[in-house]
Amino acid sequence: MISDLEAHFMFSKELQGALKMSSSGSSAAAEPVSKEQDDSYDKKCIFCRIVNREMDTELLHCDEDVSCFRDIRPGAPHHYLVVPTKHVGNCKSLRREHIPLVEKLVETGTAILQKNSVTDLSDVRFGFHWPPFHSVVHLHLHVLAPASQMGFMSRLIFRPDSYWFITADQLIQRLNSMD
């Protein structure tokens, strides 16, 4: 069973390859990276490239703070990734001053669910994979709904109170306890 779990988290090369194949030369339509963004843009980061419209991935939401797109391996009927528009490392690198960012990720995820007719917000899962159990080193909130329709592997991979997945509420509590 663990080998299946490890396999899920080790697909970053596969993820990057799949997204490269789908890009079909869309970088010409991408907005140029501004000087301000340059300090927080990692050209090797697949999520930075998606947010900067260098990939042919549909952005469901994009503003100066956060962006949202569909997960390429959905774990539920609605599975979105909400990321900071500027490159931010994984959730383990966050500090107390990042609480408003995490809250904005959750607010955006909630808005995307509502926009997609998800009305039962008690049957959702918001969370982050705890390093080293992540495939992309760019902070990303998993938004899954309905959680009751997640399959066995998704329930395992996105299991709250595990050592590999932390809910948004747990992360905020952890950040609040920092000095």
N, C-alpha and C. Protein backbone atom coordinates (compact mmCIF):
# COMPACT_ATOMS: atom_id res chain seq x y z
N MET A 1 0.83 -1.19 0.00
CA MET A 1 0.00 0.00 0.00
C MET A 1 0.87 1.26 0.00
N ILE A 2 1.90 1.29 0.77
CA ILE A 2 2.76 2.47 0.80
C ILE A 2 3.40 2.72 -0.55
N SER A 3 3.73 1.65 -1.28
CA SER A 3 4.34 1.86 -2.59
C SER A 3 3.39 2.61 -3.52
N ASP A 4 2.07 2.36 -3.42
CA ASP A 4 1.10 3.13 -4.22
C ASP A 4 1.10 4.59 -3.80
N LEU A 5 1.16 4.83 -2.50
CA LEU A 5 1.19 6.19 -2.00
C LEU A 5 2.45 6.91 -2.47
N GLU A 6 3.58 6.24 -2.33
CA GLU A 6 4.84 6.84 -2.78
C GLU A 6 4.79 7.12 -4.28
N ALA A 7 4.19 6.23 -5.03
CA ALA A 7 4.10 6.41 -6.48
C ALA A 7 3.31 7.66 -6.82
N HIS A 8 2.26 7.93 -6.07
CA HIS A 8 1.46 9.13 -6.33
C HIS A 8 2.30 10.40 -6.16
N PHE A 9 3.13 10.41 -5.14
CA PHE A 9 3.90 11.61 -4.86
C PHE A 9 5.17 11.73 -5.69
N MET A 10 5.51 10.71 -6.40
CA MET A 10 6.73 10.73 -7.20
C MET A 10 6.44 10.96 -8.68
N PHE A 11 5.30 11.53 -9.00
CA PHE A 11 4.95 11.69 -10.39
C PHE A 11 5.31 13.06 -10.94
N SER A 12 6.16 13.83 -10.26
CA SER A 12 6.44 15.19 -10.71
C SER A 12 7.02 15.22 -12.12
N LYS A 13 7.90 14.28 -12.46
CA LYS A 13 8.44 14.26 -13.82
C LYS A 13 7.32 13.95 -14.82
N GLU A 14 6.44 13.03 -14.44
CA GLU A 14 5.30 12.71 -15.30
C GLU A 14 4.39 13.93 -15.44
N LEU A 15 4.14 14.64 -14.32
CA LEU A 15 3.32 15.84 -14.34
C LEU A 15 3.92 16.88 -15.26
N GLN A 16 5.22 17.12 -15.11
CA GLN A 16 5.87 18.11 -15.95
C GLN A 16 5.82 17.71 -17.42
N GLY A 17 6.02 16.43 -17.71
CA GLY A 17 5.96 15.96 -19.09
C GLY A 17 4.57 16.12 -19.68
N ALA A 18 3.55 15.78 -18.90
CA ALA A 18 2.17 15.90 -19.39
C ALA A 18 1.81 17.35 -19.66
N LEU A 19 2.24 18.24 -18.78
CA LEU A 19 1.92 19.65 -18.99
C LEU A 19 2.71 20.23 -20.15
N LYS A 20 3.95 19.79 -20.37
CA LYS A 20 4.72 20.25 -21.51
C LYS A 20 4.03 19.83 -22.80
N MET A 21 3.53 18.59 -22.83
CA MET A 21 2.87 18.09 -24.04
C MET A 21 1.62 18.90 -24.34
N SER A 22 0.94 19.40 -23.29
CA SER A 22 -0.30 20.13 -23.51
C SER A 22 -0.07 21.61 -23.79
N SER A 23 1.15 22.08 -23.68
CA SER A 23 1.38 23.52 -23.82
C SER A 23 1.26 24.00 -25.25
N SER A 24 1.59 23.22 -26.23
CA SER A 24 1.46 23.51 -27.66
C SER A 24 1.85 24.92 -28.05
N GLY A 25 2.96 25.38 -27.51
CA GLY A 25 3.50 26.66 -27.94
C GLY A 25 2.71 27.87 -27.51
N SER A 26 2.03 27.80 -26.38
CA SER A 26 1.20 28.93 -25.95
C SER A 26 2.00 30.04 -25.28
N SER A 27 3.32 29.90 -25.18
CA SER A 27 4.10 30.91 -24.48
C SER A 27 4.08 32.24 -25.22
N ALA A 28 3.78 32.25 -26.51
CA ALA A 28 3.72 33.51 -27.24
C ALA A 28 2.57 34.37 -26.73
N ALA A 29 1.50 33.74 -26.22
CA ALA A 29 0.35 34.48 -25.71
C ALA A 29 0.50 34.83 -24.24
N ALA A 30 1.54 34.37 -23.62
CA ALA A 30 1.73 34.63 -22.19
C ALA A 30 2.05 36.09 -21.96
N GLU A 31 1.59 36.55 -20.80
CA GLU A 31 1.94 37.91 -20.42
C GLU A 31 3.40 37.92 -19.99
N PRO A 32 4.14 38.97 -20.32
CA PRO A 32 5.54 39.01 -19.92
C PRO A 32 5.68 39.09 -18.40
N VAL A 33 6.75 38.53 -17.90
CA VAL A 33 7.02 38.59 -16.47
C VAL A 33 7.49 40.00 -16.14
N SER A 34 6.79 40.65 -15.21
CA SER A 34 7.18 42.01 -14.85
C SER A 34 8.39 41.96 -13.94
N LYS A 35 9.05 43.09 -13.80
CA LYS A 35 10.22 43.20 -12.93
C LYS A 35 9.84 42.81 -11.50
N GLU A 36 8.64 43.25 -11.07
CA GLU A 36 8.17 42.93 -9.72
C GLU A 36 8.01 41.43 -9.53
N GLN A 37 7.45 40.74 -10.54
CA GLN A 37 7.26 39.30 -10.45
C GLN A 37 8.56 38.54 -10.56
N ASP A 38 9.56 39.12 -11.19
CA ASP A 38 10.81 38.41 -11.48
C ASP A 38 11.45 37.82 -10.23
N ASP A 39 11.38 38.53 -9.10
CA ASP A 39 11.98 38.02 -7.86
C ASP A 39 11.22 36.84 -7.30
N SER A 40 9.95 36.69 -7.67
CA SER A 40 9.14 35.62 -7.09
C SER A 40 8.65 34.65 -8.16
N TYR A 41 9.39 34.54 -9.24
CA TYR A 41 9.04 33.63 -10.33
C TYR A 41 10.19 32.65 -10.49
N ASP A 42 9.86 31.36 -10.45
CA ASP A 42 10.87 30.32 -10.63
C ASP A 42 10.60 29.66 -11.98
N LYS A 43 11.46 29.91 -12.95
CA LYS A 43 11.21 29.41 -14.31
C LYS A 43 11.20 27.88 -14.39
N LYS A 44 11.73 27.21 -13.38
CA LYS A 44 11.71 25.74 -13.35
C LYS A 44 10.45 25.20 -12.68
N CYS A 45 9.68 26.07 -12.05
CA CYS A 45 8.48 25.65 -11.32
C CYS A 45 7.29 25.56 -12.28
N ILE A 46 6.69 24.39 -12.35
CA ILE A 46 5.57 24.17 -13.25
C ILE A 46 4.38 25.06 -12.89
N PHE A 47 4.15 25.31 -11.60
CA PHE A 47 3.02 26.15 -11.20
C PHE A 47 3.29 27.62 -11.54
N CYS A 48 4.52 28.08 -11.41
CA CYS A 48 4.86 29.44 -11.83
C CYS A 48 4.59 29.61 -13.32
N ARG A 49 4.94 28.59 -14.09
CA ARG A 49 4.73 28.64 -15.53
C ARG A 49 3.25 28.63 -15.88
N ILE A 50 2.46 27.87 -15.14
CA ILE A 50 1.01 27.84 -15.38
C ILE A 50 0.41 29.21 -15.08
N VAL A 51 0.74 29.77 -13.91
CA VAL A 51 0.21 31.05 -13.49
C VAL A 51 0.64 32.17 -14.45
N ASN A 52 1.82 32.05 -15.00
CA ASN A 52 2.33 33.06 -15.93
C ASN A 52 1.84 32.82 -17.37
N ARG A 53 0.94 31.87 -17.51
CA ARG A 53 0.30 31.53 -18.80
C ARG A 53 1.31 31.06 -19.85
N GLU A 54 2.32 30.36 -19.37
CA GLU A 54 3.29 29.76 -20.29
C GLU A 54 2.87 28.34 -20.66
N MET A 55 1.84 27.84 -20.01
CA MET A 55 1.32 26.50 -20.25
C MET A 55 -0.12 26.64 -20.73
N ASP A 56 -0.59 25.63 -21.40
CA ASP A 56 -1.95 25.64 -21.92
C ASP A 56 -2.90 25.05 -20.88
N THR A 57 -2.91 25.64 -19.70
CA THR A 57 -3.76 25.19 -18.60
C THR A 57 -4.79 26.28 -18.33
N GLU A 58 -6.05 25.89 -18.24
CA GLU A 58 -7.10 26.86 -17.99
C GLU A 58 -7.01 27.38 -16.56
N LEU A 59 -6.90 28.68 -16.42
CA LEU A 59 -6.92 29.31 -15.10
C LEU A 59 -8.37 29.64 -14.77
N LEU A 60 -8.87 29.07 -13.69
CA LEU A 60 -10.24 29.32 -13.26
C LEU A 60 -10.34 30.62 -12.49
N HIS A 61 -9.22 31.05 -11.94
CA HIS A 61 -9.13 32.31 -11.19
C HIS A 61 -7.69 32.77 -11.25
N CYS A 62 -7.50 34.06 -11.41
CA CYS A 62 -6.14 34.61 -11.38
C CYS A 62 -6.21 36.07 -10.98
N ASP A 63 -5.55 36.41 -9.89
CA ASP A 63 -5.40 37.81 -9.50
C ASP A 63 -3.97 37.99 -9.01
N GLU A 64 -3.65 39.14 -8.46
CA GLU A 64 -2.26 39.39 -8.08
C GLU A 64 -1.78 38.54 -6.91
N ASP A 65 -2.72 37.96 -6.16
CA ASP A 65 -2.35 37.16 -4.99
C ASP A 65 -2.42 35.66 -5.21
N VAL A 66 -3.53 35.19 -5.80
CA VAL A 66 -3.74 33.75 -5.94
C VAL A 66 -4.29 33.40 -7.31
N SER A 67 -4.05 32.14 -7.70
CA SER A 67 -4.56 31.60 -8.96
C SER A 67 -5.11 30.21 -8.69
N CYS A 68 -5.98 29.74 -9.56
CA CYS A 68 -6.60 28.42 -9.38
C CYS A 68 -6.73 27.72 -10.73
N PHE A 69 -6.49 26.40 -10.71
CA PHE A 69 -6.67 25.57 -11.89
C PHE A 69 -7.02 24.16 -11.42
N ARG A 70 -7.46 23.33 -12.36
CA ARG A 70 -7.84 21.95 -12.03
C ARG A 70 -6.59 21.08 -11.82
N ASP A 71 -6.71 20.13 -10.91
CA ASP A 71 -5.65 19.15 -10.71
C ASP A 71 -5.70 18.17 -11.88
N ILE A 72 -4.52 17.79 -12.41
CA ILE A 72 -4.52 16.87 -13.56
C ILE A 72 -4.81 15.43 -13.14
N ARG A 73 -4.74 15.13 -11.85
CA ARG A 73 -5.10 13.82 -11.33
C ARG A 73 -6.16 14.00 -10.26
N PRO A 74 -7.41 14.24 -10.67
CA PRO A 74 -8.45 14.56 -9.68
C PRO A 74 -8.71 13.42 -8.71
N GLY A 75 -8.82 13.80 -7.45
CA GLY A 75 -9.12 12.84 -6.39
C GLY A 75 -10.57 12.88 -5.99
N ALA A 76 -11.34 13.78 -6.62
CA ALA A 76 -12.77 13.94 -6.34
C ALA A 76 -13.39 14.58 -7.58
N PRO A 77 -14.72 14.55 -7.69
CA PRO A 77 -15.36 15.19 -8.85
C PRO A 77 -14.92 16.65 -9.06
N HIS A 78 -14.70 17.37 -7.98
CA HIS A 78 -14.15 18.73 -8.05
C HIS A 78 -12.82 18.69 -7.31
N HIS A 79 -11.72 18.88 -8.04
CA HIS A 79 -10.39 18.88 -7.42
C HIS A 79 -9.61 20.02 -8.07
N TYR A 80 -9.40 21.07 -7.29
CA TYR A 80 -8.72 22.26 -7.77
C TYR A 80 -7.46 22.49 -6.96
N LEU A 81 -6.51 23.17 -7.56
CA LEU A 81 -5.31 23.62 -6.87
C LEU A 81 -5.35 25.14 -6.83
N VAL A 82 -5.23 25.69 -5.65
CA VAL A 82 -5.18 27.14 -5.48
C VAL A 82 -3.76 27.45 -5.02
N VAL A 83 -3.09 28.31 -5.77
CA VAL A 83 -1.67 28.59 -5.52
C VAL A 83 -1.44 30.09 -5.40
N PRO A 84 -0.40 30.49 -4.68
CA PRO A 84 -0.03 31.90 -4.72
C PRO A 84 0.43 32.24 -6.14
N THR A 85 0.06 33.40 -6.62
CA THR A 85 0.46 33.81 -7.96
C THR A 85 1.97 33.98 -8.03
N LYS A 86 2.55 34.46 -6.95
CA LYS A 86 4.01 34.57 -6.86
C LYS A 86 4.55 33.31 -6.19
N HIS A 87 5.74 32.91 -6.57
CA HIS A 87 6.31 31.66 -6.04
C HIS A 87 6.52 31.75 -4.53
N VAL A 88 5.94 30.79 -3.84
CA VAL A 88 6.11 30.62 -2.40
C VAL A 88 6.44 29.15 -2.21
N GLY A 89 7.41 28.85 -1.37
CA GLY A 89 7.80 27.46 -1.14
C GLY A 89 6.68 26.64 -0.54
N ASN A 90 7.00 25.47 -0.03
CA ASN A 90 5.99 24.57 0.51
C ASN A 90 5.44 25.05 1.85
N CYS A 91 4.44 24.36 2.36
CA CYS A 91 3.77 24.79 3.59
C CYS A 91 4.68 24.73 4.82
N LYS A 92 5.71 23.92 4.78
CA LYS A 92 6.63 23.82 5.90
C LYS A 92 7.50 25.07 6.03
N SER A 93 7.65 25.83 4.94
CA SER A 93 8.48 27.03 4.95
C SER A 93 7.71 28.29 5.38
N LEU A 94 6.42 28.15 5.63
CA LEU A 94 5.60 29.31 5.98
C LEU A 94 5.83 29.78 7.41
N ARG A 95 5.53 31.04 7.63
CA ARG A 95 5.65 31.67 8.95
C ARG A 95 4.31 32.33 9.29
N ARG A 96 4.22 32.85 10.49
CA ARG A 96 2.99 33.48 10.97
C ARG A 96 2.47 34.56 10.00
N GLU A 97 3.37 35.30 9.39
CA GLU A 97 2.95 36.38 8.47
C GLU A 97 2.28 35.85 7.19
N HIS A 98 2.33 34.54 6.97
CA HIS A 98 1.69 33.94 5.80
C HIS A 98 0.23 33.55 6.05
N ILE A 99 -0.27 33.74 7.27
CA ILE A 99 -1.65 33.35 7.59
C ILE A 99 -2.65 34.01 6.63
N PRO A 100 -2.55 35.33 6.37
CA PRO A 100 -3.52 35.93 5.42
C PRO A 100 -3.47 35.27 4.03
N LEU A 101 -2.30 34.85 3.58
CA LEU A 101 -2.18 34.17 2.30
C LEU A 101 -2.93 32.84 2.33
N VAL A 102 -2.71 32.05 3.37
CA VAL A 102 -3.39 30.75 3.50
C VAL A 102 -4.90 30.97 3.55
N GLU A 103 -5.35 31.97 4.29
CA GLU A 103 -6.78 32.28 4.37
C GLU A 103 -7.33 32.67 3.00
N LYS A 104 -6.55 33.43 2.23
CA LYS A 104 -6.98 33.83 0.89
C LYS A 104 -7.06 32.61 -0.03
N LEU A 105 -6.13 31.66 0.11
CA LEU A 105 -6.20 30.43 -0.68
C LEU A 105 -7.51 29.69 -0.40
N VAL A 106 -7.87 29.60 0.88
CA VAL A 106 -9.10 28.91 1.28
C VAL A 106 -10.33 29.67 0.76
N GLU A 107 -10.34 30.99 0.91
CA GLU A 107 -11.46 31.80 0.42
C GLU A 107 -11.65 31.61 -1.08
N THR A 108 -10.55 31.61 -1.82
CA THR A 108 -10.63 31.43 -3.27
C THR A 108 -11.13 30.04 -3.62
N GLY A 109 -10.64 29.02 -2.91
CA GLY A 109 -11.11 27.66 -3.13
C GLY A 109 -12.60 27.53 -2.88
N THR A 110 -13.08 28.16 -1.82
CA THR A 110 -14.50 28.14 -1.50
C THR A 110 -15.31 28.82 -2.61
N ALA A 111 -14.82 29.95 -3.08
CA ALA A 111 -15.51 30.69 -4.15
C ALA A 111 -15.56 29.86 -5.45
N ILE A 112 -14.48 29.17 -5.77
CA ILE A 112 -14.45 28.33 -6.97
C ILE A 112 -15.45 27.18 -6.84
N LEU A 113 -15.53 26.57 -5.67
CA LEU A 113 -16.51 25.50 -5.45
C LEU A 113 -17.93 26.04 -5.65
N GLN A 114 -18.22 27.18 -5.04
CA GLN A 114 -19.56 27.76 -5.17
C GLN A 114 -19.87 28.13 -6.62
N LYS A 115 -18.89 28.64 -7.32
CA LYS A 115 -19.06 28.99 -8.74
C LYS A 115 -19.37 27.74 -9.57
N ASN A 116 -18.87 26.58 -9.12
CA ASN A 116 -19.09 25.32 -9.81
C ASN A 116 -20.22 24.50 -9.18
N SER A 117 -21.14 25.20 -8.52
CA SER A 117 -22.39 24.62 -7.98
C SER A 117 -22.19 23.60 -6.87
N VAL A 118 -21.10 23.67 -6.14
CA VAL A 118 -20.93 22.83 -4.95
C VAL A 118 -21.58 23.60 -3.80
N THR A 119 -22.69 23.05 -3.31
CA THR A 119 -23.46 23.75 -2.28
C THR A 119 -23.22 23.22 -0.88
N ASP A 120 -22.80 21.96 -0.76
CA ASP A 120 -22.57 21.37 0.56
C ASP A 120 -21.11 21.58 0.97
N LEU A 121 -20.84 22.71 1.58
CA LEU A 121 -19.47 23.04 1.97
C LEU A 121 -19.01 22.30 3.22
N SER A 122 -19.90 21.45 3.78
CA SER A 122 -19.47 20.61 4.90
C SER A 122 -18.84 19.31 4.39
N ASP A 123 -18.95 19.06 3.08
CA ASP A 123 -18.42 17.84 2.47
C ASP A 123 -17.26 18.17 1.53
N VAL A 124 -16.34 18.99 2.04
CA VAL A 124 -15.17 19.39 1.24
C VAL A 124 -13.89 19.12 2.04
N ARG A 125 -12.79 19.07 1.35
CA ARG A 125 -11.50 18.91 2.01
C ARG A 125 -10.54 19.94 1.43
N PHE A 126 -9.96 20.76 2.32
CA PHE A 126 -8.96 21.76 1.97
C PHE A 126 -7.68 21.36 2.67
N GLY A 127 -6.58 21.22 1.94
CA GLY A 127 -5.34 20.87 2.62
C GLY A 127 -4.12 20.88 1.73
N PHE A 128 -3.00 20.60 2.38
CA PHE A 128 -1.68 20.65 1.76
C PHE A 128 -0.94 19.35 2.05
N HIS A 129 -0.12 18.92 1.12
CA HIS A 129 0.76 17.79 1.40
C HIS A 129 1.97 18.32 2.17
N TRP A 130 2.30 17.63 3.23
CA TRP A 130 3.41 18.02 4.10
C TRP A 130 4.70 17.44 3.52
N PRO A 131 5.72 18.28 3.35
CA PRO A 131 6.99 17.78 2.80
C PRO A 131 7.53 16.61 3.63
N PRO A 132 8.09 15.63 2.97
CA PRO A 132 8.48 15.56 1.56
C PRO A 132 7.41 14.98 0.65
N PHE A 133 6.16 14.90 1.10
CA PHE A 133 5.11 14.25 0.33
C PHE A 133 4.37 15.22 -0.58
N HIS A 134 5.11 15.89 -1.42
CA HIS A 134 4.51 16.78 -2.41
C HIS A 134 5.31 16.64 -3.71
N SER A 135 4.68 16.96 -4.81
CA SER A 135 5.33 16.77 -6.10
C SER A 135 5.86 18.07 -6.70
N VAL A 136 5.36 19.20 -6.25
CA VAL A 136 5.79 20.50 -6.76
C VAL A 136 6.09 21.39 -5.55
N VAL A 137 7.27 22.00 -5.55
CA VAL A 137 7.67 22.85 -4.42
C VAL A 137 7.20 24.28 -4.68
N HIS A 138 5.90 24.43 -4.72
CA HIS A 138 5.21 25.73 -4.81
C HIS A 138 3.95 25.52 -3.99
N LEU A 139 3.76 26.34 -2.99
CA LEU A 139 2.62 26.18 -2.10
C LEU A 139 1.35 25.97 -2.93
N HIS A 140 0.60 24.91 -2.63
CA HIS A 140 -0.66 24.68 -3.34
C HIS A 140 -1.66 24.01 -2.42
N LEU A 141 -2.83 24.62 -2.36
CA LEU A 141 -3.95 24.12 -1.58
C LEU A 141 -4.77 23.18 -2.45
N HIS A 142 -4.97 21.96 -1.96
CA HIS A 142 -5.88 21.03 -2.64
C HIS A 142 -7.29 21.33 -2.16
N VAL A 143 -8.20 21.50 -3.10
CA VAL A 143 -9.61 21.74 -2.81
C VAL A 143 -10.36 20.58 -3.44
N LEU A 144 -10.95 19.72 -2.60
CA LEU A 144 -11.64 18.52 -3.08
C LEU A 144 -13.08 18.49 -2.61
N ALA A 145 -13.99 18.18 -3.55
CA ALA A 145 -15.41 18.08 -3.18
C ALA A 145 -16.14 17.21 -4.20
N PRO A 146 -17.14 16.52 -3.79
CA PRO A 146 -17.46 16.19 -2.41
C PRO A 146 -16.47 15.16 -1.86
N ALA A 147 -16.05 15.37 -0.64
CA ALA A 147 -15.09 14.46 -0.01
C ALA A 147 -15.69 13.07 0.15
N SER A 148 -17.00 13.00 0.30
CA SER A 148 -17.66 11.70 0.46
C SER A 148 -17.58 10.84 -0.81
N GLN A 149 -17.24 11.45 -1.94
CA GLN A 149 -17.14 10.70 -3.20
C GLN A 149 -15.71 10.38 -3.59
N MET A 150 -14.77 10.65 -2.69
CA MET A 150 -13.37 10.33 -2.97
C MET A 150 -13.19 8.81 -2.92
N GLY A 151 -12.37 8.28 -3.84
CA GLY A 151 -12.08 6.85 -3.85
C GLY A 151 -11.12 6.47 -2.73
N PHE A 152 -10.86 5.18 -2.62
CA PHE A 152 -10.00 4.67 -1.55
C PHE A 152 -8.62 5.33 -1.55
N MET A 153 -7.96 5.36 -2.71
CA MET A 153 -6.61 5.94 -2.77
C MET A 153 -6.62 7.43 -2.45
N SER A 154 -7.63 8.14 -2.94
CA SER A 154 -7.72 9.58 -2.65
C SER A 154 -7.97 9.81 -1.16
N ARG A 155 -8.78 8.96 -0.55
CA ARG A 155 -9.01 9.09 0.90
C ARG A 155 -7.71 8.87 1.67
N LEU A 156 -6.87 8.00 1.17
CA LEU A 156 -5.58 7.75 1.80
C LEU A 156 -4.62 8.92 1.55
N ILE A 157 -4.51 9.34 0.32
CA ILE A 157 -3.56 10.38 -0.06
C ILE A 157 -3.91 11.73 0.57
N PHE A 158 -5.21 12.02 0.69
CA PHE A 158 -5.66 13.30 1.23
C PHE A 158 -6.29 13.11 2.61
N ARG A 159 -5.69 12.22 3.41
CA ARG A 159 -6.24 11.89 4.72
C ARG A 159 -5.83 12.92 5.77
N PRO A 160 -6.81 13.56 6.40
CA PRO A 160 -6.48 14.50 7.49
C PRO A 160 -5.83 13.74 8.65
N ASP A 161 -5.05 14.43 9.42
CA ASP A 161 -4.38 13.87 10.59
C ASP A 161 -3.39 12.76 10.24
N SER A 162 -2.83 12.85 9.03
CA SER A 162 -1.78 11.91 8.64
C SER A 162 -0.46 12.68 8.65
N TYR A 163 0.63 11.98 8.55
CA TYR A 163 1.91 12.69 8.55
C TYR A 163 2.27 13.23 7.17
N TRP A 164 1.42 13.00 6.16
CA TRP A 164 1.72 13.49 4.82
C TRP A 164 0.73 14.54 4.32
N PHE A 165 -0.36 14.78 5.05
CA PHE A 165 -1.37 15.76 4.61
C PHE A 165 -1.85 16.55 5.81
N ILE A 166 -1.93 17.87 5.65
CA ILE A 166 -2.37 18.75 6.72
C ILE A 166 -3.52 19.61 6.19
N THR A 167 -4.59 19.71 6.97
CA THR A 167 -5.71 20.53 6.52
C THR A 167 -5.32 22.01 6.62
N ALA A 168 -6.07 22.85 5.92
CA ALA A 168 -5.81 24.29 5.96
C ALA A 168 -5.97 24.81 7.39
N ASP A 169 -7.00 24.33 8.09
CA ASP A 169 -7.21 24.76 9.49
C ASP A 169 -6.03 24.35 10.37
N GLN A 170 -5.52 23.13 10.18
CA GLN A 170 -4.36 22.68 10.97
C GLN A 170 -3.13 23.55 10.67
N LEU A 171 -2.94 23.90 9.41
CA LEU A 171 -1.80 24.74 9.05
C LEU A 171 -1.93 26.12 9.69
N ILE A 172 -3.10 26.70 9.65
CA ILE A 172 -3.31 28.01 10.27
C ILE A 172 -3.06 27.94 11.77
N GLN A 173 -3.53 26.88 12.43
CA GLN A 173 -3.27 26.71 13.86
C GLN A 173 -1.78 26.62 14.13
N ARG A 174 -1.07 25.87 13.30
CA ARG A 174 0.37 25.71 13.44
C ARG A 174 1.07 27.06 13.28
N LEU A 175 0.67 27.83 12.27
CA LEU A 175 1.28 29.14 12.03
C LEU A 175 0.97 30.11 13.17
N ASN A 176 -0.25 30.05 13.71
CA ASN A 176 -0.63 30.91 14.83
C ASN A 176 0.19 30.63 16.08
N SER A 177 0.67 29.40 16.22
CA SER A 177 1.43 29.04 17.42
C SER A 177 2.91 29.42 17.32
N MET A 178 3.33 29.91 16.15
CA MET A 178 4.73 30.32 15.99
C MET A 178 4.98 31.67 16.64
N ASP A 179 6.18 31.88 17.11
CA ASP A 179 6.55 33.17 17.71
C ASP A 179 7.00 34.15 16.67
